[in-house]
C-alpha cells in the first residue's frame, strides 16, 4: 500500500491536546447523574458506565511506559499503520474485541463518575507536566515496538471517538477542534487510499473502506 503523508501533532502539541481531551472527560464525569451513568450508548452492550470503564486512563500507565522504553528502532512509527495492523482479520481489534467488551462491563461495577473524573484529571496533570520525546521507542503489545508519538496519536483518537459516544448518549460535551481534526486525519489514513477516495466520492459502498477502526 502506498504511504501518504498527513499533518501530525508534534510531541508537545500531542501531549497538550490529549490532556485537554481528558480534562473534557473529567468535567463531564463530575456532572453525570445516576440516570446518565446508566444510559445506553451507541457502543453495543455498553452503557455510559461501561464506556467510562473502557476509556478512563490510569496514572500507573505512565510508569509502565517508562519501564517499556527500549534502545532500538521502532517497528511501527505511524499510528495509521498501527491501527491497520490492529484491525486486520487476525489483529487485536478483532481477536480481543469480545474480551475487552466484557471487561468494560465487569469493571464498570467498581467505577463511579467521581473516580473516573479524578483519574482523568490526574492523568491530564501528569501528561502536561511530563516532557516526553515523541521519538522514544517502547515495547508494545501485538506489534513489537512503537514510539510515544504513535501512542499519543492513538490515545487521542480513542479519547475523541469515545467522547463523541458520550456526547451522543448524554450530551453537553464535545471534543476540541484540534482533537477532531487529528482524529479525522488519522482515521482517513488507515484504509487503502483508493478505496477511501471511492467511498468519499460516492463511487463505492462504505463497506469498501469503513470502519477504519473497530
N, C-alpha and C. Protein backbone atom coordinates (compact mmCIF):
# COMPACT_ATOMS: atom_id res chain seq x y z
N UNK A 1 0.85 -1.21 0.00
CA UNK A 1 0.00 0.00 0.00
C UNK A 1 0.87 1.24 0.00
N UNK A 2 0.54 2.20 -0.81
CA UNK A 2 1.30 3.44 -0.83
C UNK A 2 1.13 4.19 0.49
N UNK A 3 2.16 4.93 0.87
CA UNK A 3 2.11 5.71 2.10
C UNK A 3 1.95 7.18 1.75
N UNK A 4 0.94 7.82 2.31
CA UNK A 4 0.67 9.24 2.04
C UNK A 4 0.84 10.02 3.34
N UNK A 5 1.50 11.18 3.24
CA UNK A 5 1.72 11.98 4.43
C UNK A 5 0.45 12.66 4.91
N UNK A 6 0.43 13.00 6.17
CA UNK A 6 -0.66 13.76 6.75
C UNK A 6 -0.09 14.65 7.84
N UNK A 7 -0.80 15.70 8.16
CA UNK A 7 -0.33 16.57 9.21
C UNK A 7 -0.50 15.88 10.56
N UNK A 8 0.56 15.91 11.37
CA UNK A 8 0.53 15.29 12.68
C UNK A 8 0.93 16.30 13.73
N UNK A 9 0.42 16.13 14.94
CA UNK A 9 0.81 16.98 16.05
C UNK A 9 2.20 16.60 16.50
N UNK A 10 3.05 17.61 16.84
CA UNK A 10 4.36 17.26 17.37
C UNK A 10 4.20 16.80 18.81
N UNK A 11 5.31 16.40 19.44
CA UNK A 11 5.24 15.80 20.77
C UNK A 11 4.54 16.67 21.80
N UNK A 12 4.95 17.93 21.92
CA UNK A 12 4.35 18.81 22.92
C UNK A 12 2.89 19.11 22.60
N UNK A 13 2.57 19.32 21.33
CA UNK A 13 1.19 19.57 20.95
C UNK A 13 0.32 18.35 21.23
N UNK A 14 0.83 17.17 20.95
CA UNK A 14 0.06 15.94 21.20
C UNK A 14 -0.24 15.81 22.68
N UNK A 15 0.76 16.06 23.52
CA UNK A 15 0.52 15.97 24.97
C UNK A 15 -0.56 16.96 25.38
N UNK A 16 -0.48 18.18 24.87
CA UNK A 16 -1.46 19.20 25.25
C UNK A 16 -2.88 18.83 24.81
N UNK A 17 -3.03 18.33 23.58
CA UNK A 17 -4.36 18.03 23.06
C UNK A 17 -4.95 16.80 23.75
N UNK A 18 -4.13 15.80 24.03
CA UNK A 18 -4.63 14.64 24.77
C UNK A 18 -5.04 15.06 26.18
N UNK A 19 -4.21 15.87 26.83
CA UNK A 19 -4.55 16.34 28.18
C UNK A 19 -5.86 17.12 28.17
N UNK A 20 -6.04 17.96 27.17
CA UNK A 20 -7.29 18.72 27.05
C UNK A 20 -8.48 17.78 26.88
N UNK A 21 -8.31 16.73 26.08
CA UNK A 21 -9.40 15.76 25.89
C UNK A 21 -9.75 15.09 27.20
N UNK A 22 -8.73 14.68 27.95
CA UNK A 22 -9.00 14.04 29.24
C UNK A 22 -9.67 15.01 30.21
N UNK A 23 -9.31 16.27 30.17
CA UNK A 23 -9.95 17.26 31.05
C UNK A 23 -11.42 17.46 30.68
N UNK A 24 -11.75 17.36 29.40
CA UNK A 24 -13.15 17.44 28.98
C UNK A 24 -13.93 16.24 29.52
N UNK A 25 -13.32 15.07 29.46
CA UNK A 25 -13.94 13.89 30.06
C UNK A 25 -14.17 14.12 31.56
N UNK A 26 -13.15 14.63 32.23
CA UNK A 26 -13.25 14.82 33.68
C UNK A 26 -14.39 15.76 34.03
N UNK A 27 -14.50 16.88 33.33
CA UNK A 27 -15.56 17.84 33.64
C UNK A 27 -16.94 17.22 33.45
N UNK A 28 -17.11 16.47 32.36
CA UNK A 28 -18.42 15.87 32.11
C UNK A 28 -18.73 14.77 33.11
N UNK A 29 -17.70 14.03 33.53
CA UNK A 29 -17.92 12.97 34.52
C UNK A 29 -18.45 13.53 35.84
N UNK A 30 -17.93 14.69 36.25
CA UNK A 30 -18.38 15.27 37.52
C UNK A 30 -19.85 15.69 37.47
N UNK A 31 -20.40 15.82 36.26
CA UNK A 31 -21.79 16.27 36.10
C UNK A 31 -22.77 15.13 35.85
N UNK A 32 -22.25 13.90 35.70
CA UNK A 32 -23.13 12.79 35.33
C UNK A 32 -24.11 12.45 36.46
N UNK A 33 -25.37 12.34 36.10
CA UNK A 33 -26.38 11.90 37.05
C UNK A 33 -26.44 10.38 37.06
N UNK A 34 -27.15 9.82 38.04
CA UNK A 34 -27.31 8.37 38.09
C UNK A 34 -28.00 7.86 36.83
N UNK A 35 -28.97 8.62 36.33
CA UNK A 35 -29.67 8.22 35.11
C UNK A 35 -28.72 8.24 33.91
N UNK A 36 -27.87 9.26 33.82
CA UNK A 36 -26.91 9.33 32.71
C UNK A 36 -25.85 8.23 32.81
N UNK A 37 -25.43 7.91 34.02
CA UNK A 37 -24.44 6.86 34.24
C UNK A 37 -24.92 5.51 33.69
N UNK A 38 -26.22 5.30 33.77
CA UNK A 38 -26.80 4.03 33.31
C UNK A 38 -27.33 4.11 31.88
N UNK A 39 -27.20 5.27 31.23
CA UNK A 39 -27.77 5.44 29.89
C UNK A 39 -27.05 4.57 28.87
N UNK A 40 -27.78 4.03 27.90
CA UNK A 40 -27.14 3.23 26.85
C UNK A 40 -26.32 4.12 25.93
N UNK A 41 -25.31 3.54 25.30
CA UNK A 41 -24.50 4.25 24.32
C UNK A 41 -24.63 3.53 22.98
N UNK A 42 -24.08 4.13 21.95
CA UNK A 42 -24.12 3.51 20.63
C UNK A 42 -23.07 2.42 20.47
N UNK A 43 -22.27 2.17 21.51
CA UNK A 43 -21.36 1.02 21.55
C UNK A 43 -22.16 -0.18 22.06
N UNK A 44 -22.34 -1.18 21.22
CA UNK A 44 -23.21 -2.30 21.56
C UNK A 44 -22.85 -2.92 22.90
N UNK A 45 -23.86 -3.02 23.77
CA UNK A 45 -23.68 -3.67 25.06
C UNK A 45 -23.12 -2.79 26.15
N UNK A 46 -22.78 -1.55 25.84
CA UNK A 46 -22.19 -0.66 26.83
C UNK A 46 -23.14 0.46 27.20
N UNK A 47 -23.31 0.66 28.51
CA UNK A 47 -23.92 1.90 28.96
C UNK A 47 -22.78 2.89 29.22
N UNK A 48 -23.12 4.07 29.75
CA UNK A 48 -22.08 5.09 29.97
C UNK A 48 -21.03 4.59 30.96
N UNK A 49 -21.45 3.86 31.98
CA UNK A 49 -20.50 3.34 32.97
C UNK A 49 -19.48 2.42 32.32
N UNK A 50 -19.94 1.53 31.44
CA UNK A 50 -19.01 0.62 30.75
C UNK A 50 -18.10 1.39 29.79
N UNK A 51 -18.64 2.40 29.13
CA UNK A 51 -17.82 3.23 28.26
C UNK A 51 -16.70 3.89 29.05
N UNK A 52 -17.04 4.41 30.23
CA UNK A 52 -16.02 5.04 31.08
C UNK A 52 -15.01 4.02 31.57
N UNK A 53 -15.48 2.82 31.91
CA UNK A 53 -14.55 1.79 32.36
C UNK A 53 -13.53 1.44 31.28
N UNK A 54 -13.95 1.52 30.04
CA UNK A 54 -13.06 1.21 28.92
C UNK A 54 -12.06 2.32 28.65
N UNK A 55 -12.48 3.55 28.73
CA UNK A 55 -11.67 4.66 28.22
C UNK A 55 -10.89 5.41 29.29
N UNK A 56 -11.26 5.29 30.57
CA UNK A 56 -10.60 6.08 31.61
C UNK A 56 -9.16 5.63 31.80
N UNK A 57 -8.19 6.55 31.71
CA UNK A 57 -6.78 6.17 31.88
C UNK A 57 -6.43 5.94 33.34
N UNK A 58 -5.29 5.32 33.57
CA UNK A 58 -4.79 5.08 34.91
C UNK A 58 -3.42 5.73 35.06
N UNK A 59 -3.16 6.41 36.18
CA UNK A 59 -1.84 7.03 36.36
C UNK A 59 -0.70 6.02 36.26
N UNK A 60 -0.94 4.78 36.64
CA UNK A 60 0.12 3.76 36.61
C UNK A 60 0.63 3.49 35.20
N UNK A 61 -0.14 3.86 34.19
CA UNK A 61 0.29 3.57 32.82
C UNK A 61 1.55 4.36 32.47
N UNK A 62 1.77 5.51 33.10
CA UNK A 62 2.97 6.29 32.82
C UNK A 62 4.22 5.54 33.30
N UNK A 63 4.10 4.84 34.43
CA UNK A 63 5.21 4.02 34.90
C UNK A 63 5.44 2.84 33.96
N UNK A 64 4.35 2.26 33.43
CA UNK A 64 4.50 1.15 32.50
C UNK A 64 5.20 1.59 31.22
N UNK A 65 4.86 2.79 30.74
CA UNK A 65 5.53 3.31 29.55
C UNK A 65 7.02 3.51 29.82
N UNK A 66 7.35 4.07 30.98
CA UNK A 66 8.76 4.29 31.32
C UNK A 66 9.52 2.98 31.38
N UNK A 67 8.89 1.95 31.95
CA UNK A 67 9.53 0.64 32.05
C UNK A 67 9.66 -0.04 30.70
N UNK A 68 8.83 0.37 29.72
CA UNK A 68 8.81 -0.29 28.41
C UNK A 68 9.78 0.33 27.42
N UNK A 69 10.49 1.39 27.79
CA UNK A 69 11.41 2.05 26.86
C UNK A 69 12.53 1.09 26.47
N UNK A 70 12.81 1.02 25.17
CA UNK A 70 13.88 0.16 24.67
C UNK A 70 14.80 0.98 23.76
N UNK A 71 16.04 0.53 23.67
CA UNK A 71 17.03 1.21 22.82
C UNK A 71 17.12 0.48 21.50
N UNK A 72 16.16 0.75 20.62
CA UNK A 72 16.11 0.08 19.32
C UNK A 72 15.16 0.86 18.43
N UNK A 73 15.32 0.74 17.12
CA UNK A 73 14.38 1.40 16.21
C UNK A 73 12.98 0.82 16.40
N UNK A 74 11.97 1.67 16.30
CA UNK A 74 10.59 1.20 16.45
C UNK A 74 10.13 0.47 15.20
N UNK A 75 9.39 -0.61 15.41
CA UNK A 75 8.83 -1.36 14.28
C UNK A 75 7.67 -0.60 13.64
N UNK A 76 6.91 0.13 14.45
CA UNK A 76 5.77 0.91 13.96
C UNK A 76 6.01 2.37 14.30
N UNK A 77 6.06 3.24 13.27
CA UNK A 77 6.30 4.66 13.50
C UNK A 77 5.16 5.53 13.00
N UNK A 78 4.05 4.91 12.63
CA UNK A 78 2.89 5.63 12.09
C UNK A 78 1.64 5.05 12.75
N UNK A 79 0.84 5.91 13.37
CA UNK A 79 -0.36 5.43 14.05
C UNK A 79 -1.35 4.78 13.09
N UNK A 80 -1.38 5.26 11.84
CA UNK A 80 -2.27 4.64 10.86
C UNK A 80 -1.86 3.20 10.58
N UNK A 81 -0.56 2.95 10.53
CA UNK A 81 -0.07 1.58 10.33
C UNK A 81 -0.41 0.73 11.55
N UNK A 82 -0.27 1.29 12.74
CA UNK A 82 -0.64 0.56 13.96
C UNK A 82 -2.11 0.16 13.92
N UNK A 83 -2.99 1.11 13.59
CA UNK A 83 -4.42 0.81 13.53
C UNK A 83 -4.73 -0.20 12.43
N UNK A 84 -4.03 -0.07 11.30
CA UNK A 84 -4.24 -1.02 10.21
C UNK A 84 -3.87 -2.43 10.66
N UNK A 85 -2.76 -2.55 11.38
CA UNK A 85 -2.31 -3.85 11.89
C UNK A 85 -3.31 -4.39 12.91
N UNK A 86 -3.77 -3.53 13.79
CA UNK A 86 -4.72 -3.96 14.82
C UNK A 86 -6.04 -4.43 14.21
N UNK A 87 -6.42 -3.84 13.08
CA UNK A 87 -7.73 -4.12 12.50
C UNK A 87 -7.71 -5.17 11.39
N UNK A 88 -6.59 -5.82 11.19
CA UNK A 88 -6.56 -6.96 10.29
C UNK A 88 -7.46 -8.07 10.85
N UNK A 89 -7.92 -9.00 10.01
CA UNK A 89 -8.81 -10.06 10.50
C UNK A 89 -8.29 -10.78 11.74
N UNK A 90 -6.97 -10.99 11.79
CA UNK A 90 -6.40 -11.67 12.96
C UNK A 90 -5.72 -10.68 13.90
N UNK A 91 -6.04 -9.39 13.76
CA UNK A 91 -5.47 -8.36 14.61
C UNK A 91 -6.19 -8.26 15.94
N UNK A 92 -5.56 -7.54 16.87
CA UNK A 92 -6.07 -7.46 18.23
C UNK A 92 -7.46 -6.85 18.31
N UNK A 93 -7.78 -5.91 17.41
CA UNK A 93 -9.10 -5.27 17.46
C UNK A 93 -10.22 -6.29 17.24
N UNK A 94 -9.91 -7.35 16.52
CA UNK A 94 -10.90 -8.39 16.27
C UNK A 94 -10.78 -9.55 17.25
N UNK A 95 -9.56 -10.02 17.48
CA UNK A 95 -9.40 -11.18 18.35
C UNK A 95 -9.66 -10.86 19.82
N UNK A 96 -9.44 -9.60 20.21
CA UNK A 96 -9.62 -9.21 21.62
C UNK A 96 -10.93 -8.46 21.87
N UNK A 97 -11.75 -8.27 20.84
CA UNK A 97 -12.92 -7.41 20.97
C UNK A 97 -13.89 -7.90 22.04
N UNK A 98 -14.22 -9.18 22.02
CA UNK A 98 -15.21 -9.69 22.97
C UNK A 98 -14.71 -9.59 24.41
N UNK A 99 -13.44 -9.94 24.63
CA UNK A 99 -12.91 -9.89 25.99
C UNK A 99 -12.82 -8.45 26.50
N UNK A 100 -12.47 -7.50 25.62
CA UNK A 100 -12.43 -6.10 26.02
C UNK A 100 -13.81 -5.58 26.37
N UNK A 101 -14.81 -5.97 25.57
CA UNK A 101 -16.18 -5.53 25.84
C UNK A 101 -16.67 -6.08 27.16
N UNK A 102 -16.38 -7.35 27.42
CA UNK A 102 -16.81 -7.97 28.67
C UNK A 102 -16.09 -7.35 29.86
N UNK A 103 -14.81 -7.05 29.69
CA UNK A 103 -14.04 -6.45 30.78
C UNK A 103 -14.60 -5.08 31.15
N UNK A 104 -14.99 -4.29 30.16
CA UNK A 104 -15.54 -2.97 30.44
C UNK A 104 -16.83 -3.07 31.26
N UNK A 105 -17.69 -3.99 30.89
CA UNK A 105 -18.94 -4.18 31.63
C UNK A 105 -18.65 -4.61 33.05
N UNK A 106 -17.70 -5.54 33.22
CA UNK A 106 -17.36 -6.03 34.55
C UNK A 106 -16.73 -4.95 35.41
N UNK A 107 -15.80 -4.20 34.85
CA UNK A 107 -15.09 -3.17 35.61
C UNK A 107 -15.97 -1.98 35.95
N UNK A 108 -17.03 -1.78 35.20
CA UNK A 108 -17.92 -0.65 35.45
C UNK A 108 -18.54 -0.71 36.84
N UNK A 109 -18.70 -1.92 37.35
CA UNK A 109 -19.33 -2.07 38.66
C UNK A 109 -18.51 -1.43 39.77
N UNK A 110 -17.20 -1.33 39.59
CA UNK A 110 -16.33 -0.77 40.62
C UNK A 110 -15.98 0.70 40.37
N UNK A 111 -16.56 1.28 39.34
CA UNK A 111 -16.23 2.65 38.96
C UNK A 111 -17.37 3.59 39.32
N UNK A 112 -17.04 4.81 39.68
CA UNK A 112 -18.05 5.86 39.89
C UNK A 112 -17.69 7.05 39.02
N UNK A 113 -18.65 7.94 38.76
CA UNK A 113 -18.31 9.13 37.98
C UNK A 113 -17.18 9.95 38.58
N UNK A 114 -17.16 10.08 39.91
CA UNK A 114 -16.11 10.87 40.54
C UNK A 114 -14.75 10.20 40.44
N UNK A 115 -14.72 8.86 40.59
CA UNK A 115 -13.46 8.15 40.44
C UNK A 115 -12.91 8.32 39.03
N UNK A 116 -13.79 8.20 38.04
CA UNK A 116 -13.37 8.39 36.66
C UNK A 116 -12.85 9.82 36.45
N UNK A 117 -13.57 10.80 36.97
CA UNK A 117 -13.14 12.19 36.83
C UNK A 117 -11.77 12.42 37.46
N UNK A 118 -11.56 11.83 38.65
CA UNK A 118 -10.29 12.00 39.33
C UNK A 118 -9.14 11.39 38.52
N UNK A 119 -9.38 10.23 37.92
CA UNK A 119 -8.33 9.58 37.12
C UNK A 119 -8.01 10.38 35.86
N UNK A 120 -9.05 10.88 35.20
CA UNK A 120 -8.81 11.72 34.02
C UNK A 120 -8.01 12.97 34.41
N UNK A 121 -8.40 13.60 35.51
CA UNK A 121 -7.73 14.83 35.95
C UNK A 121 -6.28 14.57 36.30
N UNK A 122 -6.03 13.51 37.06
CA UNK A 122 -4.65 13.19 37.46
C UNK A 122 -3.78 12.87 36.26
N UNK A 123 -4.31 12.09 35.33
CA UNK A 123 -3.53 11.72 34.15
C UNK A 123 -3.25 12.93 33.27
N UNK A 124 -4.22 13.84 33.17
CA UNK A 124 -4.00 15.06 32.39
C UNK A 124 -2.91 15.91 33.02
N UNK A 125 -2.90 16.01 34.35
CA UNK A 125 -1.87 16.79 35.03
C UNK A 125 -0.49 16.17 34.82
N UNK A 126 -0.41 14.85 34.91
CA UNK A 126 0.87 14.17 34.68
C UNK A 126 1.35 14.42 33.26
N UNK A 127 0.43 14.29 32.32
CA UNK A 127 0.80 14.46 30.92
C UNK A 127 1.29 15.87 30.63
N UNK A 128 0.63 16.87 31.20
CA UNK A 128 1.04 18.25 30.97
C UNK A 128 2.40 18.55 31.62
N UNK A 129 2.71 17.84 32.69
CA UNK A 129 3.93 18.15 33.46
C UNK A 129 5.12 17.28 33.09
N UNK A 130 4.93 16.32 32.20
CA UNK A 130 5.99 15.35 31.91
C UNK A 130 6.42 15.44 30.45
N UNK A 131 7.52 16.14 30.17
CA UNK A 131 8.03 16.16 28.79
C UNK A 131 8.37 14.75 28.33
N UNK A 132 7.97 14.43 27.12
CA UNK A 132 8.24 13.10 26.57
C UNK A 132 8.76 13.26 25.16
N UNK A 133 9.81 12.56 24.86
CA UNK A 133 10.33 12.58 23.50
C UNK A 133 9.40 11.75 22.62
N UNK A 134 8.87 12.38 21.60
CA UNK A 134 7.94 11.67 20.72
C UNK A 134 8.62 10.52 20.00
N UNK A 135 9.96 10.59 19.88
CA UNK A 135 10.69 9.55 19.15
C UNK A 135 11.11 8.39 20.04
N UNK A 136 10.81 8.45 21.33
CA UNK A 136 11.18 7.36 22.23
C UNK A 136 10.49 6.07 21.81
N UNK A 137 11.24 4.99 21.76
CA UNK A 137 10.69 3.69 21.38
C UNK A 137 10.32 2.90 22.62
N UNK A 138 9.15 2.28 22.58
CA UNK A 138 8.72 1.42 23.68
C UNK A 138 8.27 0.07 23.13
N UNK A 139 8.43 -0.97 23.93
CA UNK A 139 7.85 -2.26 23.60
C UNK A 139 6.34 -2.12 23.69
N UNK A 140 5.62 -2.72 22.73
CA UNK A 140 4.18 -2.52 22.67
C UNK A 140 3.50 -3.83 22.28
N UNK A 141 2.39 -4.17 22.98
CA UNK A 141 1.74 -5.46 22.72
C UNK A 141 1.30 -5.61 21.26
N UNK A 142 1.40 -6.83 20.76
CA UNK A 142 0.89 -7.25 19.46
C UNK A 142 1.73 -6.80 18.26
N UNK A 143 2.47 -5.68 18.40
CA UNK A 143 3.23 -5.19 17.24
C UNK A 143 4.73 -5.14 17.48
N UNK A 144 5.17 -5.47 18.66
CA UNK A 144 6.59 -5.47 18.97
C UNK A 144 7.06 -4.18 19.61
N UNK A 145 7.09 -3.10 18.83
CA UNK A 145 7.53 -1.82 19.37
C UNK A 145 6.97 -0.68 18.56
N UNK A 146 6.84 0.47 19.20
CA UNK A 146 6.37 1.68 18.53
C UNK A 146 6.93 2.89 19.26
N UNK A 147 6.52 4.08 18.87
CA UNK A 147 7.03 5.30 19.51
C UNK A 147 5.97 5.92 20.41
N UNK A 148 6.42 6.78 21.32
CA UNK A 148 5.46 7.50 22.16
C UNK A 148 4.58 8.42 21.33
N UNK A 149 5.09 8.91 20.19
CA UNK A 149 4.26 9.73 19.31
C UNK A 149 3.08 8.94 18.79
N UNK A 150 3.30 7.70 18.40
CA UNK A 150 2.22 6.84 17.92
C UNK A 150 1.24 6.56 19.05
N UNK A 151 1.75 6.29 20.24
CA UNK A 151 0.87 6.05 21.39
C UNK A 151 0.01 7.27 21.67
N UNK A 152 0.60 8.46 21.61
CA UNK A 152 -0.16 9.69 21.87
C UNK A 152 -1.24 9.90 20.83
N UNK A 153 -0.91 9.67 19.55
CA UNK A 153 -1.90 9.83 18.48
C UNK A 153 -3.06 8.86 18.65
N UNK A 154 -2.72 7.63 19.00
CA UNK A 154 -3.75 6.61 19.19
C UNK A 154 -4.61 6.93 20.41
N UNK A 155 -3.98 7.40 21.49
CA UNK A 155 -4.73 7.76 22.69
C UNK A 155 -5.69 8.91 22.41
N UNK A 156 -5.24 9.88 21.59
CA UNK A 156 -6.12 11.00 21.25
C UNK A 156 -7.30 10.52 20.43
N UNK A 157 -7.05 9.62 19.48
CA UNK A 157 -8.14 9.08 18.68
C UNK A 157 -9.17 8.38 19.56
N UNK A 158 -8.69 7.54 20.47
CA UNK A 158 -9.60 6.81 21.37
C UNK A 158 -10.40 7.79 22.23
N UNK A 159 -9.72 8.76 22.81
CA UNK A 159 -10.41 9.72 23.67
C UNK A 159 -11.45 10.52 22.90
N UNK A 160 -11.15 10.84 21.65
CA UNK A 160 -12.05 11.67 20.83
C UNK A 160 -13.25 10.88 20.34
N UNK A 161 -13.00 9.69 19.79
CA UNK A 161 -14.11 8.87 19.30
C UNK A 161 -15.07 8.54 20.43
N UNK A 162 -14.52 8.16 21.58
CA UNK A 162 -15.40 7.78 22.68
C UNK A 162 -16.05 9.01 23.34
N UNK A 163 -15.40 10.18 23.25
CA UNK A 163 -16.07 11.39 23.75
C UNK A 163 -17.29 11.71 22.90
N UNK A 164 -17.20 11.44 21.60
CA UNK A 164 -18.38 11.58 20.74
C UNK A 164 -19.45 10.57 21.11
N UNK A 165 -19.03 9.35 21.53
CA UNK A 165 -20.00 8.37 22.01
C UNK A 165 -20.71 8.90 23.26
N UNK A 166 -19.94 9.51 24.16
CA UNK A 166 -20.53 10.06 25.37
C UNK A 166 -21.47 11.21 25.04
N UNK A 167 -21.06 12.07 24.12
CA UNK A 167 -21.91 13.19 23.71
C UNK A 167 -23.22 12.70 23.11
N UNK A 168 -23.15 11.63 22.31
CA UNK A 168 -24.35 11.07 21.73
C UNK A 168 -25.29 10.53 22.80
N UNK A 169 -24.72 9.99 23.87
CA UNK A 169 -25.53 9.37 24.92
C UNK A 169 -26.14 10.38 25.89
N UNK A 170 -25.34 11.37 26.30
CA UNK A 170 -25.82 12.27 27.35
C UNK A 170 -25.66 13.75 27.03
N UNK A 171 -24.96 14.09 25.94
CA UNK A 171 -24.83 15.49 25.54
C UNK A 171 -23.91 16.31 26.44
N UNK A 172 -23.86 17.61 26.16
CA UNK A 172 -23.15 18.60 26.98
C UNK A 172 -21.63 18.39 27.03
N UNK A 173 -21.05 17.87 25.96
CA UNK A 173 -19.60 17.75 25.89
C UNK A 173 -19.23 17.62 24.42
N UNK A 174 -18.07 18.12 24.05
CA UNK A 174 -17.61 17.97 22.67
C UNK A 174 -16.09 18.02 22.62
N UNK A 175 -15.47 17.34 21.66
CA UNK A 175 -14.02 17.40 21.52
C UNK A 175 -13.58 18.77 21.01
N UNK A 176 -12.30 19.06 21.20
CA UNK A 176 -11.73 20.28 20.63
C UNK A 176 -11.61 20.15 19.13
N UNK A 177 -11.50 21.28 18.46
CA UNK A 177 -11.30 21.27 17.01
C UNK A 177 -10.01 20.54 16.65
N UNK A 178 -8.95 20.74 17.43
CA UNK A 178 -7.68 20.06 17.16
C UNK A 178 -7.83 18.55 17.28
N UNK A 179 -8.56 18.11 18.32
CA UNK A 179 -8.75 16.67 18.51
C UNK A 179 -9.56 16.07 17.37
N UNK A 180 -10.60 16.76 16.95
CA UNK A 180 -11.42 16.27 15.84
C UNK A 180 -10.61 16.20 14.55
N UNK A 181 -9.83 17.24 14.27
CA UNK A 181 -9.05 17.27 13.05
C UNK A 181 -8.00 16.17 13.04
N UNK A 182 -7.28 16.01 14.15
CA UNK A 182 -6.25 14.98 14.22
C UNK A 182 -6.84 13.59 14.10
N UNK A 183 -7.99 13.38 14.72
CA UNK A 183 -8.63 12.06 14.66
C UNK A 183 -9.15 11.77 13.27
N UNK A 184 -9.75 12.77 12.63
CA UNK A 184 -10.21 12.59 11.25
C UNK A 184 -9.04 12.22 10.34
N UNK A 185 -7.93 12.97 10.46
CA UNK A 185 -6.80 12.74 9.58
C UNK A 185 -6.16 11.38 9.82
N UNK A 186 -6.16 10.93 11.08
CA UNK A 186 -5.61 9.60 11.37
C UNK A 186 -6.50 8.51 10.79
N UNK A 187 -7.80 8.58 11.04
CA UNK A 187 -8.69 7.51 10.59
C UNK A 187 -8.77 7.43 9.07
N UNK A 188 -8.72 8.57 8.39
CA UNK A 188 -8.81 8.54 6.92
C UNK A 188 -7.53 7.97 6.32
N UNK A 189 -6.44 7.95 7.11
CA UNK A 189 -5.18 7.40 6.61
C UNK A 189 -5.09 5.89 6.78
N UNK A 190 -6.05 5.29 7.48
CA UNK A 190 -5.97 3.84 7.74
C UNK A 190 -6.35 3.00 6.53
N UNK A 191 -7.48 3.25 5.85
CA UNK A 191 -7.85 2.40 4.71
C UNK A 191 -6.94 2.60 3.52
N UNK A 192 -7.04 1.71 2.55
CA UNK A 192 -6.37 1.89 1.28
C UNK A 192 -6.82 3.23 0.67
N UNK A 193 -5.89 4.07 0.21
CA UNK A 193 -6.26 5.40 -0.28
C UNK A 193 -7.30 5.38 -1.41
N UNK A 194 -7.14 4.48 -2.36
CA UNK A 194 -8.09 4.42 -3.47
C UNK A 194 -9.48 4.05 -2.98
N UNK A 195 -9.55 3.06 -2.09
CA UNK A 195 -10.85 2.64 -1.57
C UNK A 195 -11.52 3.78 -0.80
N UNK A 196 -10.74 4.52 0.00
CA UNK A 196 -11.29 5.63 0.76
C UNK A 196 -11.81 6.73 -0.15
N UNK A 197 -11.03 7.06 -1.20
CA UNK A 197 -11.47 8.10 -2.14
C UNK A 197 -12.76 7.68 -2.84
N UNK A 198 -12.83 6.44 -3.28
CA UNK A 198 -14.03 5.98 -3.97
C UNK A 198 -15.26 6.05 -3.08
N UNK A 199 -15.10 5.72 -1.80
CA UNK A 199 -16.22 5.80 -0.87
C UNK A 199 -16.63 7.25 -0.66
N UNK A 200 -15.65 8.12 -0.40
CA UNK A 200 -15.96 9.52 -0.13
C UNK A 200 -16.53 10.23 -1.36
N UNK A 201 -16.17 9.76 -2.54
CA UNK A 201 -16.68 10.35 -3.78
C UNK A 201 -17.99 9.70 -4.23
N UNK A 202 -18.50 8.77 -3.44
CA UNK A 202 -19.76 8.13 -3.76
C UNK A 202 -19.68 7.07 -4.85
N UNK A 203 -18.45 6.60 -5.14
CA UNK A 203 -18.28 5.60 -6.19
C UNK A 203 -18.40 4.18 -5.66
N UNK A 204 -18.17 3.99 -4.38
CA UNK A 204 -18.21 2.65 -3.79
C UNK A 204 -19.06 2.67 -2.53
N UNK A 205 -19.51 1.49 -2.15
CA UNK A 205 -20.27 1.35 -0.90
C UNK A 205 -19.33 1.58 0.28
N UNK A 206 -19.83 2.11 1.40
CA UNK A 206 -18.96 2.39 2.56
C UNK A 206 -18.18 1.18 3.02
N UNK A 207 -18.74 0.00 2.85
CA UNK A 207 -18.06 -1.19 3.34
C UNK A 207 -16.69 -1.39 2.71
N UNK A 208 -16.44 -0.73 1.58
CA UNK A 208 -15.15 -0.89 0.91
C UNK A 208 -14.00 -0.27 1.70
N UNK A 209 -14.30 0.66 2.59
CA UNK A 209 -13.22 1.34 3.32
C UNK A 209 -13.50 1.55 4.80
N UNK A 210 -14.71 1.38 5.24
CA UNK A 210 -15.02 1.64 6.64
C UNK A 210 -15.71 0.42 7.26
N UNK A 211 -15.62 0.26 8.60
CA UNK A 211 -14.92 1.15 9.50
C UNK A 211 -13.41 1.01 9.40
N UNK A 212 -12.71 2.13 9.62
CA UNK A 212 -11.26 2.11 9.60
C UNK A 212 -10.70 1.54 10.90
N UNK A 213 -11.49 1.61 11.95
CA UNK A 213 -11.07 1.13 13.26
C UNK A 213 -12.28 0.57 13.98
N UNK A 214 -12.12 -0.63 14.52
CA UNK A 214 -13.27 -1.25 15.19
C UNK A 214 -13.50 -0.60 16.53
